Amino acid sequence: MRTIALCADDYALHPLVDEAVEQLVLQGRLSATSCMTTAPRWAEAARRLPALRPRLSVGLHFNLTEGHGAQPAPGIGQVIAQAYTGRLTASAMRTDWQRQLDAFEDALGSAPDFIDGHQHVHQLPGVRTALQAELQARYGDRGMALPWVRSTAPAGRLWRDPKASIIALLGGWSSTRRLQRLGVPHNHGFGGVYGFDAPTPEAYSRHMAQWLAQLQSGSLMMCHPATAPVEGDAIGAQRAVEYAYLRSDAFGKALQAAHCRIAQGVLQPLFGG
């Protein structure tokens, strides 16, 4: 039986996202959720997390590209271009890391269990250098365990998917090698990448079957559920499809067939830290 982690991204983005996280935790279908502390409703949403946290790892979803409708934000293409032309300097990014980590700690009274990034920006040049410096200064130098960090290096043969390979080429593989070299805990293989092109739970289940076949113990899979379509969100309709499948008996049967179980509680030992 392989033990894998399933993380719902974007907590605090919208009440329907938060509701999906809560319901899936109660069903034993989630390991973790990553939180957007830049969201205007973050402080309100955070108050619901302590009751879930014994069963749920809670992390920071570092954000550079979501303006939450209140202010313009650069698109992911622009951020990637800035990162690879040296315009996202580690010194500038350090301020963003401090601001978002402070917001997490102020709301929950503790460090995040883990770190990842909205649209995987945490793995980009400059951003990842600033992350490591801030983690060491904030936690390592004070004798605290470092949060584990999401690796997007694809599990097994999932690199054959074009989108998964692009994410890996844009920092997944190089960032993972850096995490290994520095001894930072991280997941061992990544899944859940697709084009948000599954219009029904049955279509999404076909992606799931491919991911479960490749994940190993200690791998991480991401998801983006909401209990209903989220208006104004680029993947708002797909969120409801994911939720419908993840709460279904079909998902439970797929886990059994693949000899997988969803980890719950503290994930640090699963990821080698």
C-alpha atoms as a PDB file:
ATOM      1  CA  MET A   1       0.000   0.000   0.000  1.00  0.00           C
ATOM      2  CA  ARG A   2       1.491   3.331  -1.086  1.00  0.00           C
ATOM      3  CA  THR A   3       0.953   6.384   1.114  1.00  0.00           C
ATOM      4  CA  ILE A   4       0.503   9.571  -0.888  1.00  0.00           C
ATOM      5  CA  ALA A   5      -0.415  13.145  -0.003  1.00  0.00           C
ATOM      6  CA  LEU A   6      -3.246  15.084  -1.627  1.00  0.00           C
ATOM      7  CA  CYS A   7      -3.139  18.884  -1.276  1.00  0.00           C
ATOM      8  CA  ALA A   8      -5.975  21.279  -2.099  1.00  0.00           C
ATOM      9  CA  ASP A   9      -4.528  24.585  -3.274  1.00  0.00           C
ATOM     10  CA  ASP A  10      -5.959  28.108  -2.909  1.00  0.00           C
ATOM     11  CA  TYR A  11      -7.534  28.047   0.563  1.00  0.00           C
ATOM     12  CA  ALA A  12      -9.004  31.510   1.370  1.00  0.00           C
ATOM     13  CA  LEU A  13      -9.433  32.358  -2.320  1.00  0.00           C
ATOM     14  CA  HIS A  14     -13.222  31.918  -2.063  1.00  0.00           C
ATOM     15  CA  PRO A  15     -15.719  30.528   0.490  1.00  0.00           C
ATOM     16  CA  LEU A  16     -16.631  27.691  -1.904  1.00  0.00           C
ATOM     17  CA  VAL A  17     -12.987  26.592  -1.970  1.00  0.00           C
ATOM     18  CA  ASP A  18     -12.791  26.670   1.823  1.00  0.00           C
ATOM     19  CA  GLU A  19     -16.012  24.684   2.131  1.00  0.00           C
ATOM     20  CA  ALA A  20     -14.660  22.008  -0.214  1.00  0.00           C
ATOM     21  CA  VAL A  21     -11.490  21.686   1.850  1.00  0.00           C
ATOM     22  CA  GLU A  22     -13.479  21.278   5.052  1.00  0.00           C
ATOM     23  CA  GLN A  23     -15.821  18.672   3.585  1.00  0.00           C
ATOM     24  CA  LEU A  24     -13.028  16.625   2.023  1.00  0.00           C
ATOM     25  CA  VAL A  25     -11.069  16.638   5.289  1.00  0.00           C
ATOM     26  CA  LEU A  26     -14.098  15.246   7.104  1.00  0.00           C
ATOM     27  CA  GLN A  27     -14.268  12.464   4.509  1.00  0.00           C
ATOM     28  CA  GLY A  28     -10.587  11.624   4.936  1.00  0.00           C
ATOM     29  CA  ARG A  29      -9.881  12.609   1.346  1.00  0.00           C
ATOM     30  CA  LEU A  30      -7.269  15.350   1.901  1.00  0.00           C
ATOM     31  CA  SER A  31      -3.812  15.517   3.445  1.00  0.00           C
ATOM     32  CA  ALA A  32      -3.131  19.235   3.187  1.00  0.00           C
ATOM     33  CA  THR A  33      -4.264  22.636   2.022  1.00  0.00           C
ATOM     34  CA  SER A  34      -2.136  25.599   0.979  1.00  0.00           C
ATOM     35  CA  CYS A  35      -3.342  29.071   1.937  1.00  0.00           C
ATOM     36  CA  MET A  36      -3.380  32.354   0.044  1.00  0.00           C
ATOM     37  CA  THR A  37      -2.496  34.845   2.757  1.00  0.00           C
ATOM     38  CA  THR A  38      -2.769  37.640   0.180  1.00  0.00           C
ATOM     39  CA  ALA A  39      -6.531  37.061  -0.067  1.00  0.00           C
ATOM     40  CA  PRO A  40      -8.654  39.830   1.506  1.00  0.00           C
ATOM     41  CA  ARG A  41     -10.605  37.213   3.462  1.00  0.00           C
ATOM     42  CA  TRP A  42      -7.545  35.338   4.755  1.00  0.00           C
ATOM     43  CA  ALA A  43      -7.961  36.322   8.421  1.00  0.00           C
ATOM     44  CA  GLU A  44     -11.611  35.240   8.343  1.00  0.00           C
ATOM     45  CA  ALA A  45     -10.873  31.962   6.569  1.00  0.00           C
ATOM     46  CA  ALA A  46      -7.940  31.164   8.867  1.00  0.00           C
ATOM     47  CA  ARG A  47     -10.230  30.991  11.888  1.00  0.00           C
ATOM     48  CA  ARG A  48     -11.715  27.768  10.513  1.00  0.00           C
ATOM     49  CA  LEU A  49      -8.394  25.953  10.210  1.00  0.00           C
ATOM     50  CA  PRO A  50      -7.406  25.074  13.812  1.00  0.00           C
ATOM     51  CA  ALA A  51     -10.284  22.600  14.110  1.00  0.00           C
ATOM     52  CA  LEU A  52      -9.030  20.827  10.966  1.00  0.00           C
ATOM     53  CA  ARG A  53      -5.315  21.046  11.580  1.00  0.00           C
ATOM     54  CA  PRO A  54      -4.840  17.869  13.611  1.00  0.00           C
ATOM     55  CA  ARG A  55      -5.931  15.955  10.502  1.00  0.00           C
ATOM     56  CA  LEU A  56      -4.706  18.458   7.919  1.00  0.00           C
ATOM     57  CA  SER A  57      -1.290  19.896   7.118  1.00  0.00           C
ATOM     58  CA  VAL A  58      -1.599  23.628   6.452  1.00  0.00           C
ATOM     59  CA  GLY A  59       0.873  25.532   4.305  1.00  0.00           C
ATOM     60  CA  LEU A  60       1.594  28.828   2.597  1.00  0.00           C
ATOM     61  CA  HIS A  61       0.535  29.198  -1.050  1.00  0.00           C
ATOM     62  CA  PHE A  62       3.008  31.906  -2.069  1.00  0.00           C
ATOM     63  CA  ASN A  63       1.369  34.294  -4.513  1.00  0.00           C
ATOM     64  CA  LEU A  64       2.688  36.716  -7.110  1.00  0.00           C
ATOM     65  CA  THR A  65       0.046  36.424  -9.849  1.00  0.00           C
ATOM     66  CA  GLU A  66      -3.405  36.641  -8.198  1.00  0.00           C
ATOM     67  CA  GLY A  67      -4.679  40.147  -7.492  1.00  0.00           C
ATOM     68  CA  HIS A  68      -7.973  38.974  -5.942  1.00  0.00           C
ATOM     69  CA  GLY A  69      -9.926  41.351  -8.149  1.00  0.00           C
ATOM     70  CA  ALA A  70      -8.813  44.406  -6.198  1.00  0.00           C
ATOM     71  CA  GLN A  71      -5.575  45.185  -8.002  1.00  0.00           C
ATOM     72  CA  PRO A  72      -3.898  44.156 -11.265  1.00  0.00           C
ATOM     73  CA  ALA A  73      -1.377  41.367 -10.958  1.00  0.00           C
ATOM     74  CA  PRO A  74       1.189  40.185 -13.489  1.00  0.00           C
ATOM     75  CA  GLY A  75       0.350  37.039 -15.424  1.00  0.00           C
ATOM     76  CA  ILE A  76       2.401  33.904 -14.969  1.00  0.00           C
ATOM     77  CA  GLY A  77       4.118  34.437 -18.322  1.00  0.00           C
ATOM     78  CA  GLN A  78       5.314  37.858 -17.245  1.00  0.00           C
ATOM     79  CA  VAL A  79       6.550  36.539 -13.908  1.00  0.00           C
ATOM     80  CA  ILE A  80       8.461  33.697 -15.587  1.00  0.00           C
ATOM     81  CA  ALA A  81      10.064  36.174 -18.002  1.00  0.00           C
ATOM     82  CA  GLN A  82      11.080  38.440 -15.125  1.00  0.00           C
ATOM     83  CA  ALA A  83      12.533  35.506 -13.199  1.00  0.00           C
ATOM     84  CA  TYR A  84      14.628  34.210 -16.076  1.00  0.00           C
ATOM     85  CA  THR A  85      15.953  37.646 -17.007  1.00  0.00           C
ATOM     86  CA  GLY A  86      17.079  38.376 -13.459  1.00  0.00           C
ATOM     87  CA  ARG A  87      14.430  41.004 -12.679  1.00  0.00           C
ATOM     88  CA  LEU A  88      12.967  39.035  -9.750  1.00  0.00           C
ATOM     89  CA  THR A  89      15.903  39.580  -7.449  1.00  0.00           C
ATOM     90  CA  ALA A  90      16.300  37.590  -4.270  1.00  0.00           C
ATOM     91  CA  SER A  91      16.379  40.784  -2.206  1.00  0.00           C
ATOM     92  CA  ALA A  92      13.068  42.004  -3.619  1.00  0.00           C
ATOM     93  CA  MET A  93      11.446  38.584  -3.298  1.00  0.00           C
ATOM     94  CA  ARG A  94      12.602  38.295   0.318  1.00  0.00           C
ATOM     95  CA  THR A  95      10.188  41.103   1.212  1.00  0.00           C
ATOM     96  CA  ASP A  96       7.282  39.230  -0.377  1.00  0.00           C
ATOM     97  CA  TRP A  97       8.177  36.055   1.474  1.00  0.00           C
ATOM     98  CA  GLN A  98       8.365  37.922   4.768  1.00  0.00           C
ATOM     99  CA  ARG A  99       5.022  39.640   4.230  1.00  0.00           C
ATOM    100  CA  GLN A 100       3.163  36.456   3.334  1.00  0.00           C
ATOM    101  CA  LEU A 101       4.786  34.332   6.034  1.00  0.00           C
ATOM    102  CA  ASP A 102       4.049  37.025   8.618  1.00  0.00           C
ATOM    103  CA  ALA A 103       0.381  36.994   7.574  1.00  0.00           C
ATOM    104  CA  PHE A 104       0.281  33.201   7.979  1.00  0.00           C
ATOM    105  CA  GLU A 105       1.908  33.237  11.403  1.00  0.00           C
ATOM    106  CA  ASP A 106      -0.152  36.176  12.651  1.00  0.00           C
ATOM    107  CA  ALA A 107      -3.399  34.385  11.777  1.00  0.00           C
ATOM    108  CA  LEU A 108      -2.520  30.875  12.968  1.00  0.00           C
ATOM    109  CA  GLY A 109       0.123  31.465  15.611  1.00  0.00           C
ATOM    110  CA  SER A 110       2.591  29.011  14.124  1.00  0.00           C
ATOM    111  CA  ALA A 111       4.854  28.394  11.166  1.00  0.00           C
ATOM    112  CA  PRO A 112       3.381  26.773   8.067  1.00  0.00           C
ATOM    113  CA  ASP A 113       3.761  23.024   7.811  1.00  0.00           C
ATOM    114  CA  PHE A 114       4.912  23.451   4.224  1.00  0.00           C
ATOM    115  CA  ILE A 115       5.491  25.919   1.392  1.00  0.00           C
ATOM    116  CA  ASP A 116       4.314  25.901  -2.203  1.00  0.00           C
ATOM    117  CA  GLY A 117       3.439  28.518  -4.805  1.00  0.00           C
ATOM    118  CA  HIS A 118       0.426  29.702  -6.781  1.00  0.00           C
ATOM    119  CA  GLN A 119       1.163  28.627 -10.350  1.00  0.00           C
ATOM    120  CA  HIS A 120       4.391  27.171  -8.893  1.00  0.00           C
ATOM    121  CA  VAL A 121       6.141  30.555  -8.637  1.00  0.00           C
ATOM    122  CA  HIS A 122       8.031  29.390  -5.549  1.00  0.00           C
ATOM    123  CA  GLN A 123      10.402  27.392  -7.763  1.00  0.00           C
ATOM    124  CA  LEU A 124      11.489  30.234 -10.053  1.00  0.00           C
ATOM    125  CA  PRO A 125      15.008  31.750  -9.988  1.00  0.00           C
ATOM    126  CA  GLY A 126      15.284  34.553  -7.469  1.00  0.00           C
ATOM    127  CA  VAL A 127      12.104  33.455  -5.743  1.00  0.00           C
ATOM    128  CA  ARG A 128      13.557  30.140  -4.598  1.00  0.00           C
ATOM    129  CA  THR A 129      16.804  31.779  -3.464  1.00  0.00           C
ATOM    130  CA  ALA A 130      14.834  34.221  -1.346  1.00  0.00           C
ATOM    131  CA  LEU A 131      12.710  31.369   0.020  1.00  0.00           C
ATOM    132  CA  GLN A 132      15.724  29.419   1.224  1.00  0.00           C
ATOM    133  CA  ALA A 133      17.274  32.483   2.840  1.00  0.00           C
ATOM    134  CA  GLU A 134      14.047  33.344   4.652  1.00  0.00           C
ATOM    135  CA  LEU A 135      13.432  29.768   5.817  1.00  0.00           C
ATOM    136  CA  GLN A 136      16.924  29.561   7.249  1.00  0.00           C
ATOM    137  CA  ALA A 137      16.750  32.924   8.988  1.00  0.00           C
ATOM    138  CA  ARG A 138      13.199  32.510  10.271  1.00  0.00           C
ATOM    139  CA  TYR A 139      13.318  28.858  11.343  1.00  0.00           C
ATOM    140  CA  GLY A 140      16.668  27.125  10.833  1.00  0.00           C
ATOM    141  CA  ASP A 141      18.786  29.664  12.692  1.00  0.00           C
ATOM    142  CA  ARG A 142      16.352  29.455  15.624  1.00  0.00           C
ATOM    143  CA  GLY A 143      16.641  25.673  15.849  1.00  0.00           C
ATOM    144  CA  MET A 144      13.185  25.057  14.378  1.00  0.00           C
ATOM    145  CA  ALA A 145      12.367  22.398  11.811  1.00  0.00           C
ATOM    146  CA  LEU A 146      12.090  23.755   8.289  1.00  0.00           C
ATOM    147  CA  PRO A 147       8.700  23.458   6.583  1.00  0.00           C
ATOM    148  CA  TRP A 148       8.744  20.999   3.722  1.00  0.00           C
ATOM    149  CA  VAL A 149       8.686  22.535   0.260  1.00  0.00           C
ATOM    150  CA  ARG A 150       6.713  21.341  -2.758  1.00  0.00           C
ATOM    151  CA  SER A 151       8.710  19.726  -5.519  1.00  0.00           C
ATOM    152  CA  THR A 152       7.031  19.689  -8.928  1.00  0.00           C
ATOM    153  CA  ALA A 153       9.400  17.074 -10.360  1.00  0.00           C
ATOM    154  CA  PRO A 154       6.925  14.644 -11.972  1.00  0.00           C
ATOM    155  CA  ALA A 155       6.438  11.206 -10.433  1.00  0.00           C
ATOM    156  CA  GLY A 156       7.359   8.207 -12.572  1.00  0.00           C
ATOM    157  CA  ARG A 157       6.544   8.715 -16.244  1.00  0.00           C
ATOM    158  CA  LEU A 158       4.258  11.712 -15.673  1.00  0.00           C
ATOM    159  CA  TRP A 159       6.970  13.902 -17.240  1.00  0.00           C
ATOM    160  CA  ARG A 160       5.595  12.688 -20.583  1.00  0.00           C
ATOM    161  CA  ASP A 161       2.628  15.011 -20.137  1.00  0.00           C
ATOM    162  CA  PRO A 162       3.577  18.275 -21.918  1.00  0.00           C
ATOM    163  CA  LYS A 163       2.299  20.589 -19.186  1.00  0.00           C
ATOM    164  CA  ALA A 164       3.979  18.577 -16.424  1.00  0.00           C
ATOM    165  CA  SER A 165       7.290  18.624 -18.305  1.00  0.00           C
ATOM    166  CA  ILE A 166       7.070  22.402 -18.871  1.00  0.00           C
ATOM    167  CA  ILE A 167       6.483  23.015 -15.157  1.00  0.00           C
ATOM    168  CA  ALA A 168       9.423  20.743 -14.358  1.00  0.00           C
ATOM    169  CA  LEU A 169      11.681  22.464 -16.902  1.00  0.00           C
ATOM    170  CA  LEU A 170      10.741  25.886 -15.532  1.00  0.00           C
ATOM    171  CA  GLY A 171      12.100  25.012 -12.123  1.00  0.00           C
ATOM    172  CA  GLY A 172      10.719  21.701 -10.910  1.00  0.00           C
ATOM    173  CA  TRP A 173      13.810  19.623 -11.552  1.00  0.00           C
ATOM    174  CA  SER A 174      16.409  22.291 -10.729  1.00  0.00           C
ATOM    175  CA  SER A 175      14.551  23.394  -7.600  1.00  0.00           C
ATOM    176  CA  THR A 176      14.268  19.787  -6.412  1.00  0.00           C
ATOM    177  CA  ARG A 177      18.006  19.256  -6.829  1.00  0.00           C
ATOM    178  CA  ARG A 178      18.528  22.402  -4.761  1.00  0.00           C
ATOM    179  CA  LEU A 179      16.216  21.151  -2.010  1.00  0.00           C
ATOM    180  CA  GLN A 180      18.095  17.842  -1.939  1.00  0.00           C
ATOM    181  CA  ARG A 181      21.473  19.566  -1.764  1.00  0.00           C
ATOM    182  CA  LEU A 182      20.353  21.818   1.093  1.00  0.00           C
ATOM    183  CA  GLY A 183      18.613  19.043   3.016  1.00  0.00           C
ATOM    184  CA  VAL A 184      15.177  20.658   2.845  1.00  0.00           C
ATOM    185  CA  PRO A 185      12.312  18.139   3.216  1.00  0.00           C
ATOM    186  CA  HIS A 186      10.213  17.748   0.086  1.00  0.00           C
ATOM    187  CA  ASN A 187       7.824  15.327  -1.586  1.00  0.00           C
ATOM    188  CA  HIS A 188       9.168  12.540  -3.795  1.00  0.00           C
ATOM    189  CA  GLY A 189       7.357  12.979  -7.086  1.00  0.00           C
ATOM    190  CA  PHE A 190       4.436  15.171  -8.095  1.00  0.00           C
ATOM    191  CA  GLY A 191       1.068  14.612  -9.789  1.00  0.00           C
ATOM    192  CA  GLY A 192      -2.192  16.384 -10.474  1.00  0.00           C
ATOM    193  CA  VAL A 193      -1.027  18.438 -13.466  1.00  0.00           C
ATOM    194  CA  TYR A 194      -3.448  18.700 -16.388  1.00  0.00           C
ATOM    195  CA  GLY A 195      -4.970  21.309 -18.641  1.00  0.00           C
ATOM    196  CA  PHE A 196      -8.117  21.816 -16.532  1.00  0.00           C
ATOM    197  CA  ASP A 197      -9.859  20.204 -19.466  1.00  0.00           C
ATOM    198  CA  ALA A 198     -12.013  17.548 -17.772  1.00  0.00           C
ATOM    199  CA  PRO A 199     -15.647  18.685 -18.084  1.00  0.00           C
ATOM    200  CA  THR A 200     -17.099  15.826 -16.006  1.00  0.00           C
ATOM    201  CA  PRO A 201     -16.037  13.796 -12.968  1.00  0.00           C
ATOM    202  CA  GLU A 202     -15.676  10.787 -15.272  1.00  0.00           C
ATOM    203  CA  ALA A 203     -13.225  12.688 -17.463  1.00  0.00           C
ATOM    204  CA  TYR A 204     -11.278  13.828 -14.401  1.00  0.00           C
ATOM    205  CA  SER A 205     -11.179  10.223 -13.174  1.00  0.00           C
ATOM    206  CA  ARG A 206      -9.185   9.253 -16.241  1.00  0.00           C
ATOM    207  CA  HIS A 207      -6.491  11.750 -15.312  1.00  0.00           C
ATOM    208  CA  MET A 208      -6.589  10.462 -11.742  1.00  0.00           C
ATOM    209  CA  ALA A 209      -6.012   6.875 -12.869  1.00  0.00           C
ATOM    210  CA  GLN A 210      -2.860   7.962 -14.705  1.00  0.00           C
ATOM    211  CA  TRP A 211      -1.537   9.869 -11.697  1.00  0.00           C
ATOM    212  CA  LEU A 212      -2.224   7.119  -9.176  1.00  0.00           C
ATOM    213  CA  ALA A 213      -0.435   4.587 -11.381  1.00  0.00           C
ATOM    214  CA  GLN A 214       2.792   6.623 -11.199  1.00  0.00           C
ATOM    215  CA  LEU A 215       2.869   7.996  -7.654  1.00  0.00           C
ATOM    216  CA  GLN A 216       5.117   6.346  -5.079  1.00  0.00           C
ATOM    217  CA  SER A 217       4.986   6.490  -1.308  1.00  0.00           C
ATOM    218  CA  GLY A 218       5.954  10.018  -0.379  1.00  0.00           C
ATOM    219  CA  SER A 219       4.580  11.551  -3.574  1.00  0.00           C
ATOM    220  CA  LEU A 220       2.295  14.586  -3.593  1.00  0.00           C
ATOM    221  CA  MET A 221      -0.721  15.284  -5.784  1.00  0.00           C
ATOM    222  CA  MET A 222      -2.398  18.697  -6.046  1.00  0.00           C
ATOM    223  CA  CYS A 223      -6.071  19.483  -6.583  1.00  0.00           C
ATOM    224  CA  HIS A 224      -8.239  22.607  -6.790  1.00  0.00           C
ATOM    225  CA  PRO A 225     -11.740  21.772  -5.480  1.00  0.00           C
ATOM    226  CA  ALA A 226     -14.723  23.998  -4.726  1.00  0.00           C
ATOM    227  CA  THR A 227     -18.222  22.918  -3.760  1.00  0.00           C
ATOM    228  CA  ALA A 228     -19.718  24.833  -6.721  1.00  0.00           C
ATOM    229  CA  PRO A 229     -18.378  26.790  -9.707  1.00  0.00           C
ATOM    230  CA  VAL A 230     -16.473  29.906  -8.655  1.00  0.00           C
ATOM    231  CA  GLU A 231     -17.590  32.864 -10.733  1.00  0.00           C
ATOM    232  CA  GLY A 232     -14.836  34.999 -12.186  1.00  0.00           C
ATOM    233  CA  ASP A 233     -12.148  32.382 -11.609  1.00  0.00           C
ATOM    234  CA  ALA A 234     -10.273  31.010 -14.617  1.00  0.00           C
ATOM    235  CA  ILE A 235     -10.746  27.423 -13.454  1.00  0.00           C
ATOM    236  CA  GLY A 236     -13.960  28.051 -11.521  1.00  0.00           C
ATOM    237  CA  ALA A 237     -16.057  25.430 -13.317  1.00  0.00           C
ATOM    238  CA  GLN A 238     -13.302  22.806 -13.117  1.00  0.00           C
ATOM    239  CA  ARG A 239     -13.074  23.226  -9.361  1.00  0.00           C
ATOM    240  CA  ALA A 240     -16.619  21.888  -8.946  1.00  0.00           C
ATOM    241  CA  VAL A 241     -15.825  18.905 -11.178  1.00  0.00           C
ATOM    242  CA  GLU A 242     -12.779  18.022  -9.076  1.00  0.00           C
ATOM    243  CA  TYR A 243     -14.777  18.283  -5.869  1.00  0.00           C
ATOM    244  CA  ALA A 244     -17.544  16.043  -7.172  1.00  0.00           C
ATOM    245  CA  TYR A 245     -15.026  13.353  -8.050  1.00  0.00           C
ATOM    246  CA  LEU A 246     -12.856  13.615  -4.926  1.00  0.00           C
ATOM    247  CA  ARG A 247     -15.860  13.111  -2.636  1.00  0.00           C
ATOM    248  CA  SER A 248     -17.264  10.225  -4.683  1.00  0.00           C
ATOM    249  CA  ASP A 249     -17.212   6.495  -4.110  1.00  0.00           C
ATOM    250  CA  ALA A 250     -15.432   6.245  -7.458  1.00  0.00           C
ATOM    251  CA  PHE A 251     -12.371   7.987  -6.014  1.00  0.00           C
ATOM    252  CA  GLY A 252     -12.328   5.654  -3.037  1.00  0.00           C
ATOM    253  CA  LYS A 253     -12.453   2.661  -5.387  1.00  0.00           C
ATOM    254  CA  ALA A 254      -9.683   4.144  -7.547  1.00  0.00           C
ATOM    255  CA  LEU A 255      -7.446   4.480  -4.493  1.00  0.00           C
ATOM    256  CA  GLN A 256      -8.117   0.868  -3.558  1.00  0.00           C
ATOM    257  CA  ALA A 257      -7.457  -0.370  -7.075  1.00  0.00           C
ATOM    258  CA  ALA A 258      -4.149   1.509  -7.186  1.00  0.00           C
ATOM    259  CA  HIS A 259      -3.178   0.284  -3.686  1.00  0.00           C
ATOM    260  CA  CYS A 260      -2.893   3.862  -2.443  1.00  0.00           C
ATOM    261  CA  ARG A 261      -4.051   5.604   0.703  1.00  0.00           C
ATOM    262  CA  ILE A 262      -4.285   9.329   1.468  1.00  0.00           C
ATOM    263  CA  ALA A 263      -1.936  10.418   4.265  1.00  0.00           C
ATOM    264  CA  GLN A 264      -3.358  12.544   7.050  1.00  0.00           C
ATOM    265  CA  GLY A 265      -1.808  14.488   9.884  1.00  0.00           C
ATOM    266  CA  VAL A 266       1.809  15.617   9.942  1.00  0.00           C
ATOM    267  CA  LEU A 267       3.470  14.883   6.591  1.00  0.00           C
ATOM    268  CA  GLN A 268       7.064  15.736   7.502  1.00  0.00           C
ATOM    269  CA  PRO A 269       8.130  12.087   8.115  1.00  0.00           C
ATOM    270  CA  LEU A 270       6.625  11.069   4.771  1.00  0.00           C
ATOM    271  CA  PHE A 271       8.835  13.628   3.030  1.00  0.00           C
ATOM    272  CA  GLY A 272      12.058  12.792   4.779  1.00  0.00           C
ATOM    273  CA  GLY A 273      12.292  15.503   7.412  1.00  0.00           C
END
